[in-house]
Amino acid sequence: MGSHLLLSQTKVEKNLVPNGSMENFKNKSNTLTSAVPWSQIGTIDLYRQPLGNDTSRFKGALSGEAYAGLRAQKNYKEFMQVKLADPLHRGYKYSFEMYIRLAFWSDATLKSFGVSFSKAGYSGNGPVDKSSRIDTICKKGGLHNNYGWIRIAGIYQADGGEKFITIGNFNEKIQKDMDRIGGGWFGYREAYYFIDDISLKWIRPKEEEVKTVIVGAETFEQDSVLEVKKDIKVGEKVSLKNIHFEKGHSYITPESYVELNKLVQYMLRHPGIEIRINGHSDNTGLEFKNQRISEQRARAVFEYLIGKGVQNKMYFKGFGSKQAIADNNTEEGKAKNRRVEFEVVKQ
């Protein structure tokens, strides 16, 4: 199926937090690092379904299926961190939002929980300037809400160049920021919170304020967008043109970014579609190596899309040389067989 370019004037305020609901993961590990490109300080848990022993009416994810969980203890606390899809621009305002829920086994609560913005990320040690944070604070009783979801939100005005967000508790003295459930001062062990639906979006200025916006800053509009036929059905495939990798490797070469960015814009404009990235090879060499490189290349495209802020549910799979579309006896045919495509899984 062919594809063509469409110059679109549609304005899309995308979620700058890659994989903000943690629905896309590279393997079956139960730690946050499986949900690319998230990283962790400590051991952040990743859940793909509701816990069997969670009997509350809020059990499971706020939306979708996946959600994370981090803990704070007397002398220990964890953070989750991710590099933003685009760096923040000086003077721009951004709307941040996430949801947290106290785990049913917690015997303590936290009085504050929030997000920090930085240029190089956070190591987990040392103070974090309040001007670079958005916090929700509940001094009396802590963040509990009867084990229901709590919305944490705020507006952040960028200094410029911030590339990372870090989520957790930033009080330097964690013991003073914990409340024991049921009262008293001793015996608490852990405040554990589930996290879901994290987003950061640029706040488009009003027309009368546009003159104050920095000239030349990226506004995520007027991009060339990949368009496929309007009646595309589940199971149909779209081959991506001009996608190249280093020979024998899965590293995407820079000349591929134009086509990949078209796919990014297409996905942003169709947030309900689910796709699978399929990798294919020619029949040169051993088949097990062809299978491996095709899967690695499909995964590289999968991770590129996530890193650019695509939030759609996606999968990836390698097929080796099993699904040739041209004659492998010619160089031209082999070139056609070395391809990456996306297949519609759900719409």
C-alpha atoms as a PDB file:
ATOM      1  CA  MET A   1       0.000   0.000   0.000  1.00  0.00           C
ATOM      2  CA  GLY A   2       1.422   3.341  -0.979  1.00  0.00           C
ATOM      3  CA  SER A   3       1.658   6.471   1.104  1.00  0.00           C
ATOM      4  CA  HIS A   4       2.049  10.137   0.266  1.00  0.00           C
ATOM      5  CA  LEU A   5       2.879  13.430   1.900  1.00  0.00           C
ATOM      6  CA  LEU A   6       0.378  15.859   3.283  1.00  0.00           C
ATOM      7  CA  LEU A   7       1.410  19.304   4.471  1.00  0.00           C
ATOM      8  CA  SER A   8      -0.767  19.856   7.511  1.00  0.00           C
ATOM      9  CA  GLN A   9      -1.519  23.046   9.407  1.00  0.00           C
ATOM     10  CA  THR A  10      -3.081  21.129  12.286  1.00  0.00           C
ATOM     11  CA  LYS A  11      -1.686  22.215  15.642  1.00  0.00           C
ATOM     12  CA  VAL A  12      -0.906  19.393  18.019  1.00  0.00           C
ATOM     13  CA  GLU A  13       0.096  20.012  21.623  1.00  0.00           C
ATOM     14  CA  LYS A  14       1.668  16.657  22.200  1.00  0.00           C
ATOM     15  CA  ASN A  15       2.471  15.051  25.511  1.00  0.00           C
ATOM     16  CA  LEU A  16       6.186  15.691  26.009  1.00  0.00           C
ATOM     17  CA  VAL A  17       6.452  12.821  28.506  1.00  0.00           C
ATOM     18  CA  PRO A  18       7.356   9.719  26.481  1.00  0.00           C
ATOM     19  CA  ASN A  19       5.268   6.678  27.356  1.00  0.00           C
ATOM     20  CA  GLY A  20       3.412   8.761  29.927  1.00  0.00           C
ATOM     21  CA  SER A  21       1.007   5.957  30.838  1.00  0.00           C
ATOM     22  CA  MET A  22       3.728   3.274  30.620  1.00  0.00           C
ATOM     23  CA  GLU A  23       1.634   1.159  28.242  1.00  0.00           C
ATOM     24  CA  ASN A  24       4.570   0.371  25.937  1.00  0.00           C
ATOM     25  CA  PHE A  25       7.341  -1.932  27.132  1.00  0.00           C
ATOM     26  CA  LYS A  26      10.315  -3.679  25.548  1.00  0.00           C
ATOM     27  CA  ASN A  27      10.148  -6.924  27.538  1.00  0.00           C
ATOM     28  CA  LYS A  28       8.235  -8.710  30.290  1.00  0.00           C
ATOM     29  CA  SER A  29      10.316  -7.406  33.181  1.00  0.00           C
ATOM     30  CA  ASN A  30       8.352  -6.085  36.148  1.00  0.00           C
ATOM     31  CA  THR A  31      10.631  -3.073  36.662  1.00  0.00           C
ATOM     32  CA  LEU A  32      10.085   0.412  35.248  1.00  0.00           C
ATOM     33  CA  THR A  33      13.056   0.236  32.880  1.00  0.00           C
ATOM     34  CA  SER A  34      11.006  -2.132  30.732  1.00  0.00           C
ATOM     35  CA  ALA A  35       8.716   0.819  29.931  1.00  0.00           C
ATOM     36  CA  VAL A  36      11.113   2.616  27.579  1.00  0.00           C
ATOM     37  CA  PRO A  37      12.575   5.194  27.932  1.00  0.00           C
ATOM     38  CA  TRP A  38      11.888   5.496  31.684  1.00  0.00           C
ATOM     39  CA  SER A  39      14.753   5.097  34.157  1.00  0.00           C
ATOM     40  CA  GLN A  40      14.677   4.573  37.898  1.00  0.00           C
ATOM     41  CA  ILE A  41      16.491   5.540  41.060  1.00  0.00           C
ATOM     42  CA  GLY A  42      15.860   2.558  43.295  1.00  0.00           C
ATOM     43  CA  THR A  43      13.668  -0.264  42.042  1.00  0.00           C
ATOM     44  CA  ILE A  44      10.416   1.071  40.603  1.00  0.00           C
ATOM     45  CA  ASP A  45       7.778  -1.588  40.015  1.00  0.00           C
ATOM     46  CA  LEU A  46       5.844  -1.839  36.749  1.00  0.00           C
ATOM     47  CA  TYR A  47       2.393  -3.434  36.824  1.00  0.00           C
ATOM     48  CA  ARG A  48       0.599  -4.658  33.708  1.00  0.00           C
ATOM     49  CA  GLN A  49      -2.624  -5.701  35.428  1.00  0.00           C
ATOM     50  CA  PRO A  50      -4.424  -5.100  38.739  1.00  0.00           C
ATOM     51  CA  LEU A  51      -2.957  -6.797  41.788  1.00  0.00           C
ATOM     52  CA  GLY A  52      -4.993  -9.829  42.781  1.00  0.00           C
ATOM     53  CA  ASN A  53      -5.079  -8.882  46.465  1.00  0.00           C
ATOM     54  CA  ASP A  54      -6.114  -5.276  45.831  1.00  0.00           C
ATOM     55  CA  THR A  55      -9.790  -5.292  46.736  1.00  0.00           C
ATOM     56  CA  SER A  56     -10.363  -1.531  46.522  1.00  0.00           C
ATOM     57  CA  ARG A  57     -12.692  -0.106  43.877  1.00  0.00           C
ATOM     58  CA  PHE A  58      -9.726   1.861  42.492  1.00  0.00           C
ATOM     59  CA  LYS A  59      -7.555  -1.182  41.825  1.00  0.00           C
ATOM     60  CA  GLY A  60      -5.431  -1.340  38.724  1.00  0.00           C
ATOM     61  CA  ALA A  61      -4.421   1.493  36.416  1.00  0.00           C
ATOM     62  CA  LEU A  62      -6.251   4.778  36.197  1.00  0.00           C
ATOM     63  CA  SER A  63      -6.463   4.240  32.435  1.00  0.00           C
ATOM     64  CA  GLY A  64      -5.197   1.488  30.180  1.00  0.00           C
ATOM     65  CA  GLU A  65      -3.529  -1.473  31.828  1.00  0.00           C
ATOM     66  CA  ALA A  66      -0.056  -0.444  33.023  1.00  0.00           C
ATOM     67  CA  TYR A  67       1.040   1.698  35.968  1.00  0.00           C
ATOM     68  CA  ALA A  68       4.116   2.154  38.155  1.00  0.00           C
ATOM     69  CA  GLY A  69       4.748   1.962  41.889  1.00  0.00           C
ATOM     70  CA  LEU A  70       7.439   3.546  44.056  1.00  0.00           C
ATOM     71  CA  ARG A  71       8.195   3.487  47.761  1.00  0.00           C
ATOM     72  CA  ALA A  72       9.495   5.779  50.476  1.00  0.00           C
ATOM     73  CA  GLN A  73      10.849   4.558  53.803  1.00  0.00           C
ATOM     74  CA  LYS A  74      12.557   6.171  56.816  1.00  0.00           C
ATOM     75  CA  ASN A  75      15.973   6.166  55.209  1.00  0.00           C
ATOM     76  CA  TYR A  76      15.162   5.325  51.628  1.00  0.00           C
ATOM     77  CA  LYS A  77      13.129   6.713  48.738  1.00  0.00           C
ATOM     78  CA  GLU A  78      12.762   6.058  45.040  1.00  0.00           C
ATOM     79  CA  PHE A  79      12.386   8.237  41.958  1.00  0.00           C
ATOM     80  CA  MET A  80      11.268   7.654  38.383  1.00  0.00           C
ATOM     81  CA  GLN A  81      12.839   9.723  35.635  1.00  0.00           C
ATOM     82  CA  VAL A  82      12.525  10.232  31.875  1.00  0.00           C
ATOM     83  CA  LYS A  83      14.028  12.373  29.139  1.00  0.00           C
ATOM     84  CA  LEU A  84      11.393  14.580  27.529  1.00  0.00           C
ATOM     85  CA  ALA A  85      10.462  14.232  23.869  1.00  0.00           C
ATOM     86  CA  ASP A  86      11.667  17.814  23.310  1.00  0.00           C
ATOM     87  CA  PRO A  87      13.633  20.217  25.533  1.00  0.00           C
ATOM     88  CA  LEU A  88      11.652  23.040  27.109  1.00  0.00           C
ATOM     89  CA  HIS A  89      11.898  26.574  25.733  1.00  0.00           C
ATOM     90  CA  ARG A  90      12.747  29.575  27.869  1.00  0.00           C
ATOM     91  CA  GLY A  91       9.700  31.594  28.905  1.00  0.00           C
ATOM     92  CA  TYR A  92       7.201  29.003  27.677  1.00  0.00           C
ATOM     93  CA  LYS A  93       4.585  27.707  30.086  1.00  0.00           C
ATOM     94  CA  TYR A  94       3.778  24.027  30.361  1.00  0.00           C
ATOM     95  CA  SER A  95       0.902  22.191  32.015  1.00  0.00           C
ATOM     96  CA  PHE A  96       1.923  19.151  34.061  1.00  0.00           C
ATOM     97  CA  GLU A  97      -0.392  16.431  35.345  1.00  0.00           C
ATOM     98  CA  MET A  98      -0.099  12.987  36.921  1.00  0.00           C
ATOM     99  CA  TYR A  99      -2.109  10.765  39.242  1.00  0.00           C
ATOM    100  CA  ILE A 100      -0.952   8.898  42.330  1.00  0.00           C
ATOM    101  CA  ARG A 101      -2.701   6.402  44.628  1.00  0.00           C
ATOM    102  CA  LEU A 102      -1.619   5.121  48.033  1.00  0.00           C
ATOM    103  CA  ALA A 103      -1.146   1.342  48.060  1.00  0.00           C
ATOM    104  CA  PHE A 104      -3.419  -0.586  50.415  1.00  0.00           C
ATOM    105  CA  TRP A 105      -0.499  -2.127  52.339  1.00  0.00           C
ATOM    106  CA  SER A 106       1.147   1.210  53.178  1.00  0.00           C
ATOM    107  CA  ASP A 107       1.457   1.975  56.868  1.00  0.00           C
ATOM    108  CA  ALA A 108       2.532   5.576  56.241  1.00  0.00           C
ATOM    109  CA  THR A 109       1.725   8.454  53.903  1.00  0.00           C
ATOM    110  CA  LEU A 110       3.805  11.228  52.374  1.00  0.00           C
ATOM    111  CA  LYS A 111       2.962  14.865  52.978  1.00  0.00           C
ATOM    112  CA  SER A 112       4.363  15.949  49.611  1.00  0.00           C
ATOM    113  CA  PHE A 113       4.825  14.423  46.182  1.00  0.00           C
ATOM    114  CA  GLY A 114       5.764  16.038  42.902  1.00  0.00           C
ATOM    115  CA  VAL A 115       7.944  16.484  39.844  1.00  0.00           C
ATOM    116  CA  SER A 116      11.261  18.212  39.211  1.00  0.00           C
ATOM    117  CA  PHE A 117      12.487  19.671  35.901  1.00  0.00           C
ATOM    118  CA  SER A 118      16.189  19.681  35.047  1.00  0.00           C
ATOM    119  CA  LYS A 119      18.676  19.859  32.192  1.00  0.00           C
ATOM    120  CA  ALA A 120      20.735  16.824  33.137  1.00  0.00           C
ATOM    121  CA  GLY A 121      18.469  14.698  35.327  1.00  0.00           C
ATOM    122  CA  TYR A 122      18.552  14.028  39.065  1.00  0.00           C
ATOM    123  CA  SER A 123      20.895  11.631  40.841  1.00  0.00           C
ATOM    124  CA  GLY A 124      18.637  11.051  43.821  1.00  0.00           C
ATOM    125  CA  ASN A 125      20.928  12.936  46.199  1.00  0.00           C
ATOM    126  CA  GLY A 126      20.995  16.535  47.330  1.00  0.00           C
ATOM    127  CA  PRO A 127      18.412  19.323  47.427  1.00  0.00           C
ATOM    128  CA  VAL A 128      16.159  20.266  44.505  1.00  0.00           C
ATOM    129  CA  ASP A 129      15.353  23.950  44.052  1.00  0.00           C
ATOM    130  CA  LYS A 130      11.673  24.670  44.695  1.00  0.00           C
ATOM    131  CA  SER A 131      11.490  26.871  41.596  1.00  0.00           C
ATOM    132  CA  SER A 132      12.121  23.805  39.413  1.00  0.00           C
ATOM    133  CA  ARG A 133       9.387  21.698  41.036  1.00  0.00           C
ATOM    134  CA  ILE A 134       5.651  21.211  41.074  1.00  0.00           C
ATOM    135  CA  ASP A 135       4.540  19.685  44.377  1.00  0.00           C
ATOM    136  CA  THR A 136       1.246  18.697  45.939  1.00  0.00           C
ATOM    137  CA  ILE A 137       1.342  19.144  49.721  1.00  0.00           C
ATOM    138  CA  CYS A 138      -0.985  17.804  52.397  1.00  0.00           C
ATOM    139  CA  LYS A 139       0.468  18.578  55.813  1.00  0.00           C
ATOM    140  CA  LYS A 140      -2.289  16.946  57.849  1.00  0.00           C
ATOM    141  CA  GLY A 141      -2.720  13.208  57.349  1.00  0.00           C
ATOM    142  CA  GLY A 142      -0.589  13.050  54.215  1.00  0.00           C
ATOM    143  CA  LEU A 143      -1.638  12.153  50.677  1.00  0.00           C
ATOM    144  CA  HIS A 144      -4.231   9.455  51.323  1.00  0.00           C
ATOM    145  CA  ASN A 145      -7.680  10.159  49.803  1.00  0.00           C
ATOM    146  CA  ASN A 146      -9.069   6.837  51.071  1.00  0.00           C
ATOM    147  CA  TYR A 147      -6.755   4.950  48.689  1.00  0.00           C
ATOM    148  CA  GLY A 148      -8.265   6.726  45.692  1.00  0.00           C
ATOM    149  CA  TRP A 149      -6.417   8.476  42.893  1.00  0.00           C
ATOM    150  CA  ILE A 150      -5.004  11.926  43.641  1.00  0.00           C
ATOM    151  CA  ARG A 151      -4.398  14.425  40.825  1.00  0.00           C
ATOM    152  CA  ILE A 152      -1.126  16.336  40.988  1.00  0.00           C
ATOM    153  CA  ALA A 153      -1.012  19.231  38.548  1.00  0.00           C
ATOM    154  CA  GLY A 154       0.496  22.642  38.011  1.00  0.00           C
ATOM    155  CA  ILE A 155       1.964  25.144  35.584  1.00  0.00           C
ATOM    156  CA  TYR A 156       5.716  25.313  35.009  1.00  0.00           C
ATOM    157  CA  GLN A 157       7.469  28.217  33.294  1.00  0.00           C
ATOM    158  CA  ALA A 158      10.684  26.971  31.754  1.00  0.00           C
ATOM    159  CA  ASP A 159      14.119  28.476  32.267  1.00  0.00           C
ATOM    160  CA  GLY A 160      15.014  26.895  28.947  1.00  0.00           C
ATOM    161  CA  GLY A 161      16.822  23.670  28.083  1.00  0.00           C
ATOM    162  CA  GLU A 162      15.177  21.401  30.637  1.00  0.00           C
ATOM    163  CA  LYS A 163      15.296  17.870  29.201  1.00  0.00           C
ATOM    164  CA  PHE A 164      14.319  15.632  32.121  1.00  0.00           C
ATOM    165  CA  ILE A 165      11.535  15.218  34.639  1.00  0.00           C
ATOM    166  CA  THR A 166      11.979  13.330  37.905  1.00  0.00           C
ATOM    167  CA  ILE A 167       9.020  12.154  39.995  1.00  0.00           C
ATOM    168  CA  GLY A 168       8.968  11.468  43.710  1.00  0.00           C
ATOM    169  CA  ASN A 169       9.344  13.130  47.106  1.00  0.00           C
ATOM    170  CA  PHE A 170      11.962  15.912  47.272  1.00  0.00           C
ATOM    171  CA  ASN A 171      11.922  16.713  50.985  1.00  0.00           C
ATOM    172  CA  GLU A 172      15.511  16.500  52.246  1.00  0.00           C
ATOM    173  CA  LYS A 173      14.349  14.939  55.523  1.00  0.00           C
ATOM    174  CA  ILE A 174      12.031  12.164  54.432  1.00  0.00           C
ATOM    175  CA  GLN A 175      11.192  11.099  58.001  1.00  0.00           C
ATOM    176  CA  LYS A 176       9.673  14.525  58.697  1.00  0.00           C
ATOM    177  CA  ASP A 177       7.602  14.257  55.533  1.00  0.00           C
ATOM    178  CA  MET A 178       5.931  10.975  56.512  1.00  0.00           C
ATOM    179  CA  ASP A 179       2.812  10.387  58.592  1.00  0.00           C
ATOM    180  CA  ARG A 180       2.062   7.037  60.172  1.00  0.00           C
ATOM    181  CA  ILE A 181      -1.400   5.767  59.307  1.00  0.00           C
ATOM    182  CA  GLY A 182      -3.363   5.496  62.536  1.00  0.00           C
ATOM    183  CA  GLY A 183      -1.273   8.082  64.384  1.00  0.00           C
ATOM    184  CA  GLY A 184       1.838   7.824  66.518  1.00  0.00           C
ATOM    185  CA  TRP A 185       5.457   8.279  65.561  1.00  0.00           C
ATOM    186  CA  PHE A 186       6.967   4.820  65.582  1.00  0.00           C
ATOM    187  CA  GLY A 187       6.523   1.589  63.713  1.00  0.00           C
ATOM    188  CA  TYR A 188       5.858   2.810  60.181  1.00  0.00           C
ATOM    189  CA  ARG A 189       7.833   1.100  57.455  1.00  0.00           C
ATOM    190  CA  GLU A 190       6.707   2.269  54.056  1.00  0.00           C
ATOM    191  CA  ALA A 191       4.626   4.736  52.050  1.00  0.00           C
ATOM    192  CA  TYR A 192       4.016   3.156  48.641  1.00  0.00           C
ATOM    193  CA  TYR A 193       2.309   5.013  45.782  1.00  0.00           C
ATOM    194  CA  PHE A 194       1.035   3.909  42.383  1.00  0.00           C
ATOM    195  CA  ILE A 195       1.581   6.395  39.525  1.00  0.00           C
ATOM    196  CA  ASP A 196      -0.221   6.709  36.190  1.00  0.00           C
ATOM    197  CA  ASP A 197      -1.134   9.059  33.319  1.00  0.00           C
ATOM    198  CA  ILE A 198       1.790  11.500  33.381  1.00  0.00           C
ATOM    199  CA  SER A 199       1.684  14.379  30.923  1.00  0.00           C
ATOM    200  CA  LEU A 200       3.415  17.669  30.133  1.00  0.00           C
ATOM    201  CA  LYS A 201       1.998  19.897  27.411  1.00  0.00           C
ATOM    202  CA  TRP A 202       2.917  23.306  26.092  1.00  0.00           C
ATOM    203  CA  ILE A 203       0.341  25.989  26.849  1.00  0.00           C
ATOM    204  CA  ARG A 204      -0.269  27.815  23.573  1.00  0.00           C
ATOM    205  CA  PRO A 205      -0.248  31.597  24.188  1.00  0.00           C
ATOM    206  CA  LYS A 206      -3.315  33.701  23.514  1.00  0.00           C
ATOM    207  CA  GLU A 207      -3.220  35.647  20.248  1.00  0.00           C
ATOM    208  CA  GLU A 208      -2.402  38.911  22.009  1.00  0.00           C
ATOM    209  CA  GLU A 209       0.569  37.232  23.710  1.00  0.00           C
ATOM    210  CA  VAL A 210       2.119  35.674  20.616  1.00  0.00           C
ATOM    211  CA  LYS A 211       4.590  38.547  20.142  1.00  0.00           C
ATOM    212  CA  THR A 212       6.309  37.581  23.373  1.00  0.00           C
ATOM    213  CA  VAL A 213       6.991  34.042  22.193  1.00  0.00           C
ATOM    214  CA  ILE A 214      10.575  33.335  21.226  1.00  0.00           C
ATOM    215  CA  VAL A 215      11.009  33.464  17.456  1.00  0.00           C
ATOM    216  CA  GLY A 216      12.202  30.216  15.964  1.00  0.00           C
ATOM    217  CA  ALA A 217      11.181  27.987  18.871  1.00  0.00           C
ATOM    218  CA  GLU A 218       9.578  24.676  17.991  1.00  0.00           C
ATOM    219  CA  THR A 219       5.782  24.698  18.071  1.00  0.00           C
ATOM    220  CA  PHE A 220       5.082  21.187  16.772  1.00  0.00           C
ATOM    221  CA  GLU A 221       3.122  22.373  13.728  1.00  0.00           C
ATOM    222  CA  GLN A 222       3.376  22.549   9.944  1.00  0.00           C
ATOM    223  CA  ASP A 223       5.080  19.172   9.801  1.00  0.00           C
ATOM    224  CA  SER A 224       4.949  16.914   6.793  1.00  0.00           C
ATOM    225  CA  VAL A 225       2.648  14.101   7.869  1.00  0.00           C
ATOM    226  CA  LEU A 226       2.422  10.531   6.640  1.00  0.00           C
ATOM    227  CA  GLU A 227      -1.102   9.936   5.380  1.00  0.00           C
ATOM    228  CA  VAL A 228      -2.562   6.518   4.713  1.00  0.00           C
ATOM    229  CA  LYS A 229      -5.899   5.710   3.170  1.00  0.00           C
ATOM    230  CA  LYS A 230      -8.801   6.814   5.330  1.00  0.00           C
ATOM    231  CA  ASP A 231     -10.491   3.402   5.429  1.00  0.00           C
ATOM    232  CA  ILE A 232      -7.408   1.503   6.612  1.00  0.00           C
ATOM    233  CA  LYS A 233      -8.428  -1.694   8.368  1.00  0.00           C
ATOM    234  CA  VAL A 234      -6.995  -3.838  11.135  1.00  0.00           C
ATOM    235  CA  GLY A 235      -4.314  -6.104   9.695  1.00  0.00           C
ATOM    236  CA  GLU A 236      -3.279  -3.774   6.878  1.00  0.00           C
ATOM    237  CA  LYS A 237       0.374  -2.771   6.589  1.00  0.00           C
ATOM    238  CA  VAL A 238       2.155   0.408   5.532  1.00  0.00           C
ATOM    239  CA  SER A 239       5.775   0.208   4.393  1.00  0.00           C
ATOM    240  CA  LEU A 240       7.979   3.065   5.541  1.00  0.00           C
ATOM    241  CA  LYS A 241      10.182   4.507   2.824  1.00  0.00           C
ATOM    242  CA  ASN A 242      13.765   5.685   3.244  1.00  0.00           C
ATOM    243  CA  ILE A 243      14.363   4.001   6.586  1.00  0.00           C
ATOM    244  CA  HIS A 244      18.047   3.066   6.802  1.00  0.00           C
ATOM    245  CA  PHE A 245      20.272   1.373   9.358  1.00  0.00           C
ATOM    246  CA  GLU A 246      24.011   0.996   9.687  1.00  0.00           C
ATOM    247  CA  LYS A 247      25.072  -2.108   7.781  1.00  0.00           C
ATOM    248  CA  GLY A 248      24.692  -5.201   9.928  1.00  0.00           C
ATOM    249  CA  HIS A 249      23.328  -3.177  12.877  1.00  0.00           C
ATOM    250  CA  SER A 250      20.088  -1.729  14.209  1.00  0.00           C
ATOM    251  CA  TYR A 251      21.326   1.868  14.517  1.00  0.00           C
ATOM    252  CA  ILE A 252      18.959   4.207  12.660  1.00  0.00           C
ATOM    253  CA  THR A 253      20.835   6.571  10.349  1.00  0.00           C
ATOM    254  CA  PRO A 254      19.988  10.322  10.383  1.00  0.00           C
ATOM    255  CA  GLU A 255      18.548  10.320   6.849  1.00  0.00           C
ATOM    256  CA  SER A 256      15.729   8.132   8.223  1.00  0.00           C
ATOM    257  CA  TYR A 257      14.469  10.805  10.607  1.00  0.00           C
ATOM    258  CA  VAL A 258      12.385  12.636   7.992  1.00  0.00           C
ATOM    259  CA  GLU A 259      10.234   9.588   7.299  1.00  0.00           C
ATOM    260  CA  LEU A 260      10.087   8.552  10.942  1.00  0.00           C
ATOM    261  CA  ASN A 261       8.999  12.030  11.993  1.00  0.00           C
ATOM    262  CA  LYS A 262       6.141  11.832   9.485  1.00  0.00           C
ATOM    263  CA  LEU A 263       5.008   8.659  11.239  1.00  0.00           C
ATOM    264  CA  VAL A 264       5.334  10.444  14.603  1.00  0.00           C
ATOM    265  CA  GLN A 265       2.988  13.182  13.410  1.00  0.00           C
ATOM    266  CA  TYR A 266       0.562  10.640  11.954  1.00  0.00           C
ATOM    267  CA  MET A 267       0.363   8.823  15.285  1.00  0.00           C
ATOM    268  CA  LEU A 268      -0.107  12.063  17.215  1.00  0.00           C
ATOM    269  CA  ARG A 269      -3.075  12.856  15.021  1.00  0.00           C
ATOM    270  CA  HIS A 270      -4.558   9.369  15.463  1.00  0.00           C
ATOM    271  CA  PRO A 271      -4.209   8.710  19.212  1.00  0.00           C
ATOM    272  CA  GLY A 272      -6.652   5.788  19.194  1.00  0.00           C
ATOM    273  CA  ILE A 273      -4.831   3.616  16.688  1.00  0.00           C
ATOM    274  CA  GLU A 274      -2.645   0.726  17.881  1.00  0.00           C
ATOM    275  CA  ILE A 275       0.165  -0.524  15.666  1.00  0.00           C
ATOM    276  CA  ARG A 276       2.874  -3.136  15.482  1.00  0.00           C
ATOM    277  CA  ILE A 277       6.254  -2.280  13.999  1.00  0.00           C
ATOM    278  CA  ASN A 278       7.375  -5.150  11.751  1.00  0.00           C
ATOM    279  CA  GLY A 279      10.998  -5.667  10.764  1.00  0.00           C
ATOM    280  CA  HIS A 280      12.044  -7.714   7.726  1.00  0.00           C
ATOM    281  CA  SER A 281      15.338  -8.766   6.132  1.00  0.00           C
ATOM    282  CA  ASP A 282      16.566 -10.364   2.930  1.00  0.00           C
ATOM    283  CA  ASN A 283      17.796 -13.965   2.936  1.00  0.00           C
ATOM    284  CA  THR A 284      21.526 -13.233   3.027  1.00  0.00           C
ATOM    285  CA  GLY A 285      23.376 -15.217   5.715  1.00  0.00           C
ATOM    286  CA  LEU A 286      21.986 -17.360   8.499  1.00  0.00           C
ATOM    287  CA  GLU A 287      18.266 -17.133   9.191  1.00  0.00           C
ATOM    288  CA  PHE A 288      18.609 -16.839  12.978  1.00  0.00           C
ATOM    289  CA  LYS A 289      20.791 -13.759  12.450  1.00  0.00           C
ATOM    290  CA  ASN A 290      18.271 -12.320   9.999  1.00  0.00           C
ATOM    291  CA  GLN A 291      15.531 -12.914  12.551  1.00  0.00           C
ATOM    292  CA  ARG A 292      17.503 -11.183  15.282  1.00  0.00           C
ATOM    293  CA  ILE A 293      18.494  -8.119  13.240  1.00  0.00           C
ATOM    294  CA  SER A 294      14.942  -7.672  11.936  1.00  0.00           C
ATOM    295  CA  GLU A 295      13.580  -7.647  15.485  1.00  0.00           C
ATOM    296  CA  GLN A 296      16.304  -5.287  16.698  1.00  0.00           C
ATOM    297  CA  ARG A 297      15.511  -2.861  13.888  1.00  0.00           C
ATOM    298  CA  ALA A 298      11.784  -3.019  14.600  1.00  0.00           C
ATOM    299  CA  ARG A 299      12.536  -2.304  18.241  1.00  0.00           C
ATOM    300  CA  ALA A 300      14.772   0.654  17.279  1.00  0.00           C
ATOM    301  CA  VAL A 301      11.867   2.242  15.381  1.00  0.00           C
ATOM    302  CA  PHE A 302       9.495   1.441  18.280  1.00  0.00           C
ATOM    303  CA  GLU A 303      11.804   3.208  20.746  1.00  0.00           C
ATOM    304  CA  TYR A 304      12.327   6.160  18.402  1.00  0.00           C
ATOM    305  CA  LEU A 305       8.566   6.774  18.208  1.00  0.00           C
ATOM    306  CA  ILE A 306       8.196   6.575  21.980  1.00  0.00           C
ATOM    307  CA  GLY A 307      11.113   8.951  22.487  1.00  0.00           C
ATOM    308  CA  LYS A 308       9.397  11.481  20.233  1.00  0.00           C
ATOM    309  CA  GLY A 309       6.281  11.519  22.393  1.00  0.00           C
ATOM    310  CA  VAL A 310       4.025   8.972  20.666  1.00  0.00           C
ATOM    311  CA  GLN A 311       1.618   7.683  23.342  1.00  0.00           C
ATOM    312  CA  ASN A 312      -0.260   5.104  21.241  1.00  0.00           C
ATOM    313  CA  LYS A 313      -0.126   1.479  22.291  1.00  0.00           C
ATOM    314  CA  MET A 314       2.553  -0.160  20.127  1.00  0.00           C
ATOM    315  CA  TYR A 315       4.304  -3.493  19.695  1.00  0.00           C
ATOM    316  CA  PHE A 316       7.272  -4.687  17.637  1.00  0.00           C
ATOM    317  CA  LYS A 317       8.203  -7.953  15.964  1.00  0.00           C
ATOM    318  CA  GLY A 318      10.914  -9.284  13.656  1.00  0.00           C
ATOM    319  CA  PHE A 319      10.143 -11.715  10.820  1.00  0.00           C
ATOM    320  CA  GLY A 320      13.594 -12.300   9.369  1.00  0.00           C
ATOM    321  CA  SER A 321      13.370 -13.215   5.658  1.00  0.00           C
ATOM    322  CA  LYS A 322      10.108 -15.171   5.985  1.00  0.00           C
ATOM    323  CA  GLN A 323       7.835 -12.546   4.392  1.00  0.00           C
ATOM    324  CA  ALA A 324       9.676 -11.508   1.250  1.00  0.00           C
ATOM    325  CA  ILE A 325       7.849  -9.156  -1.131  1.00  0.00           C
ATOM    326  CA  ALA A 326      10.443  -9.304  -3.908  1.00  0.00           C
ATOM    327  CA  ASP A 327      12.946 -11.675  -5.520  1.00  0.00           C
ATOM    328  CA  ASN A 328      15.885 -12.341  -3.182  1.00  0.00           C
ATOM    329  CA  ASN A 329      17.980 -13.394  -6.175  1.00  0.00           C
ATOM    330  CA  THR A 330      18.532  -9.767  -7.218  1.00  0.00           C
ATOM    331  CA  GLU A 331      20.062  -6.869  -5.316  1.00  0.00           C
ATOM    332  CA  GLU A 332      17.029  -4.746  -6.102  1.00  0.00           C
ATOM    333  CA  GLY A 333      14.739  -7.421  -4.664  1.00  0.00           C
ATOM    334  CA  LYS A 334      16.851  -7.808  -1.556  1.00  0.00           C
ATOM    335  CA  ALA A 335      16.721  -4.043  -0.954  1.00  0.00           C
ATOM    336  CA  LYS A 336      12.911  -4.165  -1.081  1.00  0.00           C
ATOM    337  CA  ASN A 337      12.821  -7.069   1.347  1.00  0.00           C
ATOM    338  CA  ARG A 338      14.955  -5.194   3.893  1.00  0.00           C
ATOM    339  CA  ARG A 339      12.112  -3.052   5.145  1.00  0.00           C
ATOM    340  CA  VAL A 340      10.244  -1.763   8.173  1.00  0.00           C
ATOM    341  CA  GLU A 341       6.486  -1.377   8.150  1.00  0.00           C
ATOM    342  CA  PHE A 342       3.696  -0.701  10.576  1.00  0.00           C
ATOM    343  CA  GLU A 343       0.639  -2.905  10.856  1.00  0.00           C
ATOM    344  CA  VAL A 344      -2.697  -1.739  12.239  1.00  0.00           C
ATOM    345  CA  VAL A 345      -3.610  -3.785  15.315  1.00  0.00           C
ATOM    346  CA  LYS A 346      -6.561  -1.741  16.556  1.00  0.00           C
ATOM    347  CA  GLN A 347      -8.281   1.461  15.564  1.00  0.00           C
END
